[in-house]
């Protein structure tokens, strides 16, 4: 302790000078923003460099732990890769009520228009595969359209994004029917018109194919109600339906054979003639 006091007495002038210099520098920094910013920048530079060096040392010391973590991650990724199903394989439709597997033709969209008012698709299946006019076309998410024309190896489809398209559809929870059309505005929405005002509906309700169609089986998904419009001059709603399908990105589809279609059409024609 005596040595410390002796050191202070011997160097009192120098220590006083350093103290006064420190106080003056402190007052200068606090009173001038330029000097303060320079000091802070220098301090950040110094501490940043120190932190970077410390981080480098820590990373080096933790290399084994990091390598072990990477090895586990690679093993998990490889496991997913090895167990992944073949994405090039044609998908299978799990089930379709009322339709047998032999009455479904798997096909692929080779051309798809969706930016005009009358949109069509082209499929790589035709008459030789059993495709006929007025067959329904769906995929795993919902309806796509109706077969329009066929050739031996190809067929064209009237897309649901076609202003000429009109399909029987219903509200799933209430079974109230309407006609599904497209107003030509958005590729993600179609419209359900002529829905009775007495129908209990709300946004988010699911819309499916109706049972009055000889083209599509009943209860094939279409979409959900997005907006509800009321026509004060009639007793009907017009509904905006957000499609389950992305109609701008279609791959494999299923063409549905309706073995009872001709019988039903002939019966209805007979009733009209009588």
C-alpha atoms as a PDB file:
ATOM      1  CA  UNK A   1       0.000   0.000   0.000  1.00  0.00           C
ATOM      2  CA  UNK A   2       2.919   2.344   0.864  1.00  0.00           C
ATOM      3  CA  UNK A   3       4.391   1.665  -2.575  1.00  0.00           C
ATOM      4  CA  UNK A   4       1.175   2.785  -4.250  1.00  0.00           C
ATOM      5  CA  UNK A   5       1.208   6.082  -2.323  1.00  0.00           C
ATOM      6  CA  UNK A   6       4.884   6.598  -3.198  1.00  0.00           C
ATOM      7  CA  UNK A   7       4.121   6.011  -6.871  1.00  0.00           C
ATOM      8  CA  UNK A   8       1.281   8.542  -6.785  1.00  0.00           C
ATOM      9  CA  UNK A   9       3.451  11.180  -5.067  1.00  0.00           C
ATOM     10  CA  UNK A  10       6.306  10.682  -7.494  1.00  0.00           C
ATOM     11  CA  UNK A  11       4.057  10.892 -10.579  1.00  0.00           C
ATOM     12  CA  UNK A  12       1.456  13.300  -9.290  1.00  0.00           C
ATOM     13  CA  UNK A  13       2.071  15.844 -12.055  1.00  0.00           C
ATOM     14  CA  UNK A  14       1.702  13.241 -14.814  1.00  0.00           C
ATOM     15  CA  UNK A  15      -1.364  11.692 -13.267  1.00  0.00           C
ATOM     16  CA  UNK A  16      -2.982  15.110 -12.840  1.00  0.00           C
ATOM     17  CA  UNK A  17      -2.233  15.880 -16.475  1.00  0.00           C
ATOM     18  CA  UNK A  18      -3.798  12.592 -17.634  1.00  0.00           C
ATOM     19  CA  UNK A  19      -6.849  13.197 -15.448  1.00  0.00           C
ATOM     20  CA  UNK A  20      -7.370  16.714 -16.814  1.00  0.00           C
ATOM     21  CA  UNK A  21      -6.820  15.434 -20.359  1.00  0.00           C
ATOM     22  CA  UNK A  22      -9.434  12.734 -19.859  1.00  0.00           C
ATOM     23  CA  UNK A  23     -11.940  15.211 -18.465  1.00  0.00           C
ATOM     24  CA  UNK A  24     -11.379  17.611 -21.341  1.00  0.00           C
ATOM     25  CA  UNK A  25     -11.773  14.848 -23.917  1.00  0.00           C
ATOM     26  CA  UNK A  26     -14.966  13.688 -22.244  1.00  0.00           C
ATOM     27  CA  UNK A  27     -16.415  17.207 -22.251  1.00  0.00           C
ATOM     28  CA  UNK A  28     -15.429  17.655 -25.898  1.00  0.00           C
ATOM     29  CA  UNK A  29     -17.075  14.405 -26.956  1.00  0.00           C
ATOM     30  CA  UNK A  30     -20.292  15.164 -25.100  1.00  0.00           C
ATOM     31  CA  UNK A  31     -20.583  18.696 -26.462  1.00  0.00           C
ATOM     32  CA  UNK A  32     -19.780  17.963 -30.126  1.00  0.00           C
ATOM     33  CA  UNK A  33     -21.849  15.440 -32.111  1.00  0.00           C
ATOM     34  CA  UNK A  34     -19.138  14.998 -34.735  1.00  0.00           C
ATOM     35  CA  UNK A  35     -16.534  13.919 -32.208  1.00  0.00           C
ATOM     36  CA  UNK A  36     -19.068  11.714 -30.422  1.00  0.00           C
ATOM     37  CA  UNK A  37     -19.996   9.890 -33.645  1.00  0.00           C
ATOM     38  CA  UNK A  38     -16.346   9.300 -34.473  1.00  0.00           C
ATOM     39  CA  UNK A  39     -15.626   7.827 -31.052  1.00  0.00           C
ATOM     40  CA  UNK A  40     -18.687   5.566 -31.223  1.00  0.00           C
ATOM     41  CA  UNK A  41     -17.726   4.377 -34.712  1.00  0.00           C
ATOM     42  CA  UNK A  42     -14.206   3.606 -33.547  1.00  0.00           C
ATOM     43  CA  UNK A  43     -15.525   1.765 -30.514  1.00  0.00           C
ATOM     44  CA  UNK A  44     -17.910  -0.272 -32.629  1.00  0.00           C
ATOM     45  CA  UNK A  45     -15.115  -1.108 -35.024  1.00  0.00           C
ATOM     46  CA  UNK A  46     -12.886  -2.279 -32.193  1.00  0.00           C
ATOM     47  CA  UNK A  47     -15.577  -4.281 -30.386  1.00  0.00           C
ATOM     48  CA  UNK A  48     -16.825  -5.719 -33.679  1.00  0.00           C
ATOM     49  CA  UNK A  49     -13.328  -6.927 -34.493  1.00  0.00           C
ATOM     50  CA  UNK A  50     -12.999  -8.460 -31.062  1.00  0.00           C
ATOM     51  CA  UNK A  51     -16.374 -10.197 -31.324  1.00  0.00           C
ATOM     52  CA  UNK A  52     -15.473 -11.528 -34.753  1.00  0.00           C
ATOM     53  CA  UNK A  53     -12.233 -13.007 -33.441  1.00  0.00           C
ATOM     54  CA  UNK A  54     -14.016 -14.544 -30.452  1.00  0.00           C
ATOM     55  CA  UNK A  55     -16.681 -15.995 -32.756  1.00  0.00           C
ATOM     56  CA  UNK A  56     -14.010 -17.510 -35.005  1.00  0.00           C
ATOM     57  CA  UNK A  57     -12.414 -19.206 -32.026  1.00  0.00           C
ATOM     58  CA  UNK A  58     -15.776 -20.509 -30.807  1.00  0.00           C
ATOM     59  CA  UNK A  59     -16.628 -21.850 -34.268  1.00  0.00           C
ATOM     60  CA  UNK A  60     -13.296 -23.642 -34.417  1.00  0.00           C
ATOM     61  CA  UNK A  61     -13.792 -25.158 -30.975  1.00  0.00           C
ATOM     62  CA  UNK A  62     -17.353 -26.221 -31.894  1.00  0.00           C
ATOM     63  CA  UNK A  63     -16.495 -27.819 -35.239  1.00  0.00           C
ATOM     64  CA  UNK A  64     -17.141 -31.330 -33.946  1.00  0.00           C
ATOM     65  CA  UNK A  65     -20.610 -30.384 -32.679  1.00  0.00           C
ATOM     66  CA  UNK A  66     -21.455 -28.672 -35.972  1.00  0.00           C
ATOM     67  CA  UNK A  67     -20.214 -31.636 -37.992  1.00  0.00           C
ATOM     68  CA  UNK A  68     -22.344 -34.000 -35.925  1.00  0.00           C
ATOM     69  CA  UNK A  69     -25.417 -31.806 -36.494  1.00  0.00           C
ATOM     70  CA  UNK A  70     -24.762 -31.683 -40.256  1.00  0.00           C
ATOM     71  CA  UNK A  71     -24.344 -35.453 -40.360  1.00  0.00           C
ATOM     72  CA  UNK A  72     -27.732 -35.935 -38.671  1.00  0.00           C
ATOM     73  CA  UNK A  73     -29.380 -33.452 -41.051  1.00  0.00           C
ATOM     74  CA  UNK A  74     -27.875 -35.185 -44.105  1.00  0.00           C
ATOM     75  CA  UNK A  75     -29.089 -38.541 -42.832  1.00  0.00           C
ATOM     76  CA  UNK A  76     -32.624 -37.178 -42.418  1.00  0.00           C
ATOM     77  CA  UNK A  77     -32.611 -35.639 -45.917  1.00  0.00           C
ATOM     78  CA  UNK A  78     -31.326 -38.839 -47.484  1.00  0.00           C
ATOM     79  CA  UNK A  79     -33.996 -40.809 -45.665  1.00  0.00           C
ATOM     80  CA  UNK A  80     -36.675 -38.569 -47.187  1.00  0.00           C
ATOM     81  CA  UNK A  81     -35.081 -38.863 -50.618  1.00  0.00           C
ATOM     82  CA  UNK A  82     -34.825 -42.641 -50.542  1.00  0.00           C
ATOM     83  CA  UNK A  83     -38.405 -43.031 -49.347  1.00  0.00           C
ATOM     84  CA  UNK A  84     -39.909 -40.478 -51.719  1.00  0.00           C
ATOM     85  CA  UNK A  85     -42.449 -41.745 -54.190  1.00  0.00           C
ATOM     86  CA  UNK A  86     -41.650 -41.503 -57.879  1.00  0.00           C
ATOM     87  CA  UNK A  87     -42.917 -38.056 -58.892  1.00  0.00           C
ATOM     88  CA  UNK A  88     -42.927 -39.043 -62.568  1.00  0.00           C
ATOM     89  CA  UNK A  89     -45.505 -41.777 -61.995  1.00  0.00           C
ATOM     90  CA  UNK A  90     -49.101 -41.146 -62.998  1.00  0.00           C
ATOM     91  CA  UNK A  91     -51.133 -40.398 -59.872  1.00  0.00           C
ATOM     92  CA  UNK A  92     -54.052 -42.648 -58.998  1.00  0.00           C
ATOM     93  CA  UNK A  93     -57.457 -41.403 -58.008  1.00  0.00           C
ATOM     94  CA  UNK A  94     -58.199 -42.852 -54.583  1.00  0.00           C
ATOM     95  CA  UNK A  95     -61.943 -43.150 -54.944  1.00  0.00           C
ATOM     96  CA  UNK A  96     -64.884 -41.687 -56.808  1.00  0.00           C
ATOM     97  CA  UNK A  97     -68.316 -42.588 -55.550  1.00  0.00           C
ATOM     98  CA  UNK A  98     -70.474 -44.256 -58.195  1.00  0.00           C
ATOM     99  CA  UNK A  99     -67.638 -44.604 -60.725  1.00  0.00           C
ATOM    100  CA  UNK A 100     -65.630 -47.780 -61.234  1.00  0.00           C
ATOM    101  CA  UNK A 101     -61.907 -47.723 -61.962  1.00  0.00           C
ATOM    102  CA  UNK A 102     -62.519 -49.083 -65.466  1.00  0.00           C
ATOM    103  CA  UNK A 103     -64.696 -46.061 -66.198  1.00  0.00           C
ATOM    104  CA  UNK A 104     -61.868 -43.584 -65.534  1.00  0.00           C
ATOM    105  CA  UNK A 105     -59.347 -42.664 -68.232  1.00  0.00           C
ATOM    106  CA  UNK A 106     -56.080 -41.169 -66.990  1.00  0.00           C
ATOM    107  CA  UNK A 107     -54.798 -38.447 -69.286  1.00  0.00           C
ATOM    108  CA  UNK A 108     -52.442 -35.487 -69.316  1.00  0.00           C
ATOM    109  CA  UNK A 109     -52.922 -31.838 -70.226  1.00  0.00           C
ATOM    110  CA  UNK A 110     -50.580 -30.947 -73.100  1.00  0.00           C
ATOM    111  CA  UNK A 111     -51.993 -27.490 -73.766  1.00  0.00           C
ATOM    112  CA  UNK A 112     -53.949 -25.134 -71.557  1.00  0.00           C
ATOM    113  CA  UNK A 113     -55.352 -21.690 -72.312  1.00  0.00           C
ATOM    114  CA  UNK A 114     -56.683 -19.488 -69.521  1.00  0.00           C
ATOM    115  CA  UNK A 115     -56.175 -15.888 -70.654  1.00  0.00           C
ATOM    116  CA  UNK A 116     -59.120 -15.470 -73.042  1.00  0.00           C
ATOM    117  CA  UNK A 117     -62.900 -15.637 -72.575  1.00  0.00           C
ATOM    118  CA  UNK A 118     -63.276 -19.045 -74.238  1.00  0.00           C
ATOM    119  CA  UNK A 119     -60.527 -21.266 -72.856  1.00  0.00           C
ATOM    120  CA  UNK A 120     -59.786 -24.834 -73.926  1.00  0.00           C
ATOM    121  CA  UNK A 121     -57.428 -27.615 -72.890  1.00  0.00           C
ATOM    122  CA  UNK A 122     -55.882 -30.334 -75.036  1.00  0.00           C
ATOM    123  CA  UNK A 123     -55.353 -33.857 -73.640  1.00  0.00           C
ATOM    124  CA  UNK A 124     -53.117 -36.647 -74.914  1.00  0.00           C
ATOM    125  CA  UNK A 125     -55.984 -39.160 -74.946  1.00  0.00           C
ATOM    126  CA  UNK A 126     -58.563 -39.641 -77.686  1.00  0.00           C
ATOM    127  CA  UNK A 127     -61.025 -42.001 -79.305  1.00  0.00           C
ATOM    128  CA  UNK A 128     -58.624 -44.941 -79.208  1.00  0.00           C
ATOM    129  CA  UNK A 129     -58.566 -44.663 -75.406  1.00  0.00           C
ATOM    130  CA  UNK A 130     -62.359 -44.474 -75.239  1.00  0.00           C
ATOM    131  CA  UNK A 131     -62.734 -40.696 -74.926  1.00  0.00           C
ATOM    132  CA  UNK A 132     -66.045 -39.291 -76.197  1.00  0.00           C
ATOM    133  CA  UNK A 133     -67.682 -35.911 -76.416  1.00  0.00           C
ATOM    134  CA  UNK A 134     -69.367 -34.585 -73.240  1.00  0.00           C
ATOM    135  CA  UNK A 135     -67.334 -36.669 -70.802  1.00  0.00           C
ATOM    136  CA  UNK A 136     -66.406 -34.913 -67.579  1.00  0.00           C
ATOM    137  CA  UNK A 137     -62.785 -34.088 -66.772  1.00  0.00           C
ATOM    138  CA  UNK A 138     -61.540 -33.752 -63.189  1.00  0.00           C
ATOM    139  CA  UNK A 139     -58.351 -34.079 -61.156  1.00  0.00           C
ATOM    140  CA  UNK A 140     -57.624 -34.811 -57.513  1.00  0.00           C
ATOM    141  CA  UNK A 141     -58.683 -31.288 -56.479  1.00  0.00           C
ATOM    142  CA  UNK A 142     -61.897 -30.846 -58.427  1.00  0.00           C
ATOM    143  CA  UNK A 143     -63.549 -30.378 -61.803  1.00  0.00           C
ATOM    144  CA  UNK A 144     -61.593 -29.181 -64.837  1.00  0.00           C
ATOM    145  CA  UNK A 145     -64.028 -29.150 -67.755  1.00  0.00           C
ATOM    146  CA  UNK A 146     -65.981 -31.155 -70.332  1.00  0.00           C
ATOM    147  CA  UNK A 147     -64.736 -33.003 -73.426  1.00  0.00           C
ATOM    148  CA  UNK A 148     -65.626 -30.990 -76.541  1.00  0.00           C
ATOM    149  CA  UNK A 149     -64.028 -32.730 -79.536  1.00  0.00           C
ATOM    150  CA  UNK A 150     -61.967 -35.879 -80.056  1.00  0.00           C
ATOM    151  CA  UNK A 151     -59.525 -37.367 -82.541  1.00  0.00           C
ATOM    152  CA  UNK A 152     -57.914 -40.836 -82.468  1.00  0.00           C
ATOM    153  CA  UNK A 153     -55.148 -39.759 -80.078  1.00  0.00           C
ATOM    154  CA  UNK A 154     -56.207 -36.397 -78.634  1.00  0.00           C
ATOM    155  CA  UNK A 155     -59.173 -34.517 -77.270  1.00  0.00           C
ATOM    156  CA  UNK A 156     -60.104 -30.937 -76.448  1.00  0.00           C
ATOM    157  CA  UNK A 157     -61.824 -29.811 -73.270  1.00  0.00           C
ATOM    158  CA  UNK A 158     -64.094 -26.848 -72.627  1.00  0.00           C
ATOM    159  CA  UNK A 159     -62.452 -25.435 -69.514  1.00  0.00           C
ATOM    160  CA  UNK A 160     -64.589 -24.261 -66.620  1.00  0.00           C
ATOM    161  CA  UNK A 161     -62.848 -20.960 -67.414  1.00  0.00           C
ATOM    162  CA  UNK A 162     -64.963 -20.643 -70.548  1.00  0.00           C
ATOM    163  CA  UNK A 163     -67.897 -18.245 -70.815  1.00  0.00           C
ATOM    164  CA  UNK A 164     -69.827 -20.972 -72.683  1.00  0.00           C
ATOM    165  CA  UNK A 165     -69.411 -23.419 -69.806  1.00  0.00           C
ATOM    166  CA  UNK A 166     -72.458 -24.101 -67.644  1.00  0.00           C
ATOM    167  CA  UNK A 167     -72.384 -26.896 -65.066  1.00  0.00           C
ATOM    168  CA  UNK A 168     -74.911 -28.006 -62.475  1.00  0.00           C
ATOM    169  CA  UNK A 169     -73.539 -27.421 -58.962  1.00  0.00           C
ATOM    170  CA  UNK A 170     -74.822 -27.209 -55.412  1.00  0.00           C
ATOM    171  CA  UNK A 171     -74.009 -26.018 -51.909  1.00  0.00           C
ATOM    172  CA  UNK A 172     -72.729 -29.138 -50.181  1.00  0.00           C
ATOM    173  CA  UNK A 173     -74.287 -28.575 -46.755  1.00  0.00           C
ATOM    174  CA  UNK A 174     -77.763 -27.594 -47.960  1.00  0.00           C
ATOM    175  CA  UNK A 175     -78.131 -29.214 -51.407  1.00  0.00           C
ATOM    176  CA  UNK A 176     -79.429 -25.980 -52.950  1.00  0.00           C
ATOM    177  CA  UNK A 177     -78.628 -26.000 -56.661  1.00  0.00           C
ATOM    178  CA  UNK A 178     -77.414 -23.405 -59.108  1.00  0.00           C
ATOM    179  CA  UNK A 179     -75.598 -23.061 -62.437  1.00  0.00           C
ATOM    180  CA  UNK A 180     -71.819 -22.750 -62.449  1.00  0.00           C
ATOM    181  CA  UNK A 181     -70.541 -20.205 -64.978  1.00  0.00           C
ATOM    182  CA  UNK A 182     -67.483 -17.992 -65.498  1.00  0.00           C
ATOM    183  CA  UNK A 183     -67.650 -14.224 -65.908  1.00  0.00           C
ATOM    184  CA  UNK A 184     -64.274 -14.039 -67.645  1.00  0.00           C
ATOM    185  CA  UNK A 185     -62.534 -11.929 -64.989  1.00  0.00           C
ATOM    186  CA  UNK A 186     -60.314 -14.112 -62.766  1.00  0.00           C
ATOM    187  CA  UNK A 187     -58.707 -17.523 -63.337  1.00  0.00           C
ATOM    188  CA  UNK A 188     -59.153 -18.355 -59.660  1.00  0.00           C
ATOM    189  CA  UNK A 189     -62.909 -17.752 -59.385  1.00  0.00           C
ATOM    190  CA  UNK A 190     -66.132 -18.917 -61.030  1.00  0.00           C
ATOM    191  CA  UNK A 191     -69.725 -17.931 -60.271  1.00  0.00           C
ATOM    192  CA  UNK A 192     -72.696 -19.914 -59.040  1.00  0.00           C
ATOM    193  CA  UNK A 193     -75.901 -18.242 -60.203  1.00  0.00           C
ATOM    194  CA  UNK A 194     -79.622 -18.842 -59.639  1.00  0.00           C
ATOM    195  CA  UNK A 195     -79.152 -19.892 -56.014  1.00  0.00           C
ATOM    196  CA  UNK A 196     -82.489 -19.458 -54.164  1.00  0.00           C
ATOM    197  CA  UNK A 197     -82.627 -16.670 -51.574  1.00  0.00           C
ATOM    198  CA  UNK A 198     -84.019 -19.106 -49.011  1.00  0.00           C
ATOM    199  CA  UNK A 199     -80.733 -21.040 -49.032  1.00  0.00           C
ATOM    200  CA  UNK A 200     -78.711 -20.684 -45.821  1.00  0.00           C
ATOM    201  CA  UNK A 201     -75.228 -19.776 -47.055  1.00  0.00           C
ATOM    202  CA  UNK A 202     -72.089 -18.161 -45.733  1.00  0.00           C
ATOM    203  CA  UNK A 203     -68.531 -17.517 -46.845  1.00  0.00           C
ATOM    204  CA  UNK A 204     -66.375 -20.617 -46.802  1.00  0.00           C
ATOM    205  CA  UNK A 205     -69.167 -23.079 -47.624  1.00  0.00           C
ATOM    206  CA  UNK A 206     -68.086 -25.807 -50.050  1.00  0.00           C
ATOM    207  CA  UNK A 207     -69.535 -26.027 -53.561  1.00  0.00           C
ATOM    208  CA  UNK A 208     -69.679 -29.420 -55.319  1.00  0.00           C
ATOM    209  CA  UNK A 209     -71.186 -30.890 -58.462  1.00  0.00           C
ATOM    210  CA  UNK A 210     -74.930 -31.474 -58.337  1.00  0.00           C
ATOM    211  CA  UNK A 211     -76.886 -34.641 -58.909  1.00  0.00           C
ATOM    212  CA  UNK A 212     -78.783 -33.215 -61.889  1.00  0.00           C
ATOM    213  CA  UNK A 213     -75.816 -33.617 -64.229  1.00  0.00           C
ATOM    214  CA  UNK A 214     -75.268 -36.621 -66.496  1.00  0.00           C
ATOM    215  CA  UNK A 215     -71.661 -35.521 -67.062  1.00  0.00           C
ATOM    216  CA  UNK A 216     -70.178 -35.349 -63.554  1.00  0.00           C
ATOM    217  CA  UNK A 217     -70.854 -37.650 -60.615  1.00  0.00           C
ATOM    218  CA  UNK A 218     -72.418 -35.926 -57.628  1.00  0.00           C
ATOM    219  CA  UNK A 219     -70.288 -34.270 -54.932  1.00  0.00           C
ATOM    220  CA  UNK A 220     -67.109 -33.640 -56.921  1.00  0.00           C
ATOM    221  CA  UNK A 221     -65.307 -30.682 -55.335  1.00  0.00           C
ATOM    222  CA  UNK A 222     -65.356 -27.291 -57.040  1.00  0.00           C
ATOM    223  CA  UNK A 223     -64.449 -24.613 -54.491  1.00  0.00           C
ATOM    224  CA  UNK A 224     -65.647 -22.463 -51.602  1.00  0.00           C
ATOM    225  CA  UNK A 225     -67.879 -19.392 -51.413  1.00  0.00           C
ATOM    226  CA  UNK A 226     -65.809 -16.215 -51.423  1.00  0.00           C
ATOM    227  CA  UNK A 227     -68.426 -13.471 -51.901  1.00  0.00           C
ATOM    228  CA  UNK A 228     -72.216 -13.332 -51.837  1.00  0.00           C
ATOM    229  CA  UNK A 229     -74.202 -10.967 -54.056  1.00  0.00           C
ATOM    230  CA  UNK A 230     -77.925 -10.339 -53.689  1.00  0.00           C
ATOM    231  CA  UNK A 231     -80.094  -9.387 -56.639  1.00  0.00           C
ATOM    232  CA  UNK A 232     -82.895  -7.271 -55.182  1.00  0.00           C
ATOM    233  CA  UNK A 233     -84.990  -7.732 -58.323  1.00  0.00           C
ATOM    234  CA  UNK A 234     -85.043 -11.530 -58.123  1.00  0.00           C
ATOM    235  CA  UNK A 235     -85.177 -14.219 -55.480  1.00  0.00           C
ATOM    236  CA  UNK A 236     -81.680 -15.502 -56.228  1.00  0.00           C
ATOM    237  CA  UNK A 237     -78.101 -15.148 -55.041  1.00  0.00           C
ATOM    238  CA  UNK A 238     -74.982 -14.928 -57.192  1.00  0.00           C
ATOM    239  CA  UNK A 239     -71.927 -16.431 -55.490  1.00  0.00           C
ATOM    240  CA  UNK A 240     -68.236 -15.967 -56.208  1.00  0.00           C
ATOM    241  CA  UNK A 241     -66.568 -19.369 -55.868  1.00  0.00           C
ATOM    242  CA  UNK A 242     -62.851 -19.671 -55.151  1.00  0.00           C
ATOM    243  CA  UNK A 243     -61.672 -22.754 -57.029  1.00  0.00           C
ATOM    244  CA  UNK A 244     -59.787 -25.565 -55.313  1.00  0.00           C
ATOM    245  CA  UNK A 245     -57.926 -26.054 -58.580  1.00  0.00           C
ATOM    246  CA  UNK A 246     -55.201 -23.810 -59.934  1.00  0.00           C
ATOM    247  CA  UNK A 247     -56.452 -23.763 -63.510  1.00  0.00           C
ATOM    248  CA  UNK A 248     -53.208 -22.214 -64.726  1.00  0.00           C
ATOM    249  CA  UNK A 249     -51.183 -25.226 -63.576  1.00  0.00           C
ATOM    250  CA  UNK A 250     -52.723 -28.558 -64.573  1.00  0.00           C
ATOM    251  CA  UNK A 251     -50.965 -31.875 -65.109  1.00  0.00           C
ATOM    252  CA  UNK A 252     -52.640 -35.289 -65.023  1.00  0.00           C
ATOM    253  CA  UNK A 253     -56.426 -35.404 -65.190  1.00  0.00           C
ATOM    254  CA  UNK A 254     -59.166 -38.057 -65.139  1.00  0.00           C
ATOM    255  CA  UNK A 255     -61.781 -38.446 -67.839  1.00  0.00           C
ATOM    256  CA  UNK A 256     -65.004 -39.955 -66.499  1.00  0.00           C
ATOM    257  CA  UNK A 257     -67.057 -42.358 -68.556  1.00  0.00           C
ATOM    258  CA  UNK A 258     -70.782 -42.131 -67.867  1.00  0.00           C
ATOM    259  CA  UNK A 259     -72.324 -45.408 -68.972  1.00  0.00           C
ATOM    260  CA  UNK A 260     -75.824 -44.170 -68.119  1.00  0.00           C
ATOM    261  CA  UNK A 261     -75.543 -40.872 -69.993  1.00  0.00           C
ATOM    262  CA  UNK A 262     -77.001 -42.014 -73.328  1.00  0.00           C
ATOM    263  CA  UNK A 263     -79.774 -43.905 -71.576  1.00  0.00           C
ATOM    264  CA  UNK A 264     -80.767 -40.825 -69.566  1.00  0.00           C
ATOM    265  CA  UNK A 265     -80.634 -38.535 -72.595  1.00  0.00           C
ATOM    266  CA  UNK A 266     -82.762 -40.894 -74.662  1.00  0.00           C
ATOM    267  CA  UNK A 267     -85.281 -41.212 -71.810  1.00  0.00           C
ATOM    268  CA  UNK A 268     -85.568 -37.433 -71.409  1.00  0.00           C
ATOM    269  CA  UNK A 269     -85.908 -37.031 -75.185  1.00  0.00           C
ATOM    270  CA  UNK A 270     -88.655 -39.619 -75.227  1.00  0.00           C
ATOM    271  CA  UNK A 271     -90.539 -37.740 -72.491  1.00  0.00           C
ATOM    272  CA  UNK A 272     -90.297 -34.503 -74.476  1.00  0.00           C
ATOM    273  CA  UNK A 273     -91.543 -36.157 -77.680  1.00  0.00           C
ATOM    274  CA  UNK A 274     -94.556 -37.547 -75.897  1.00  0.00           C
END
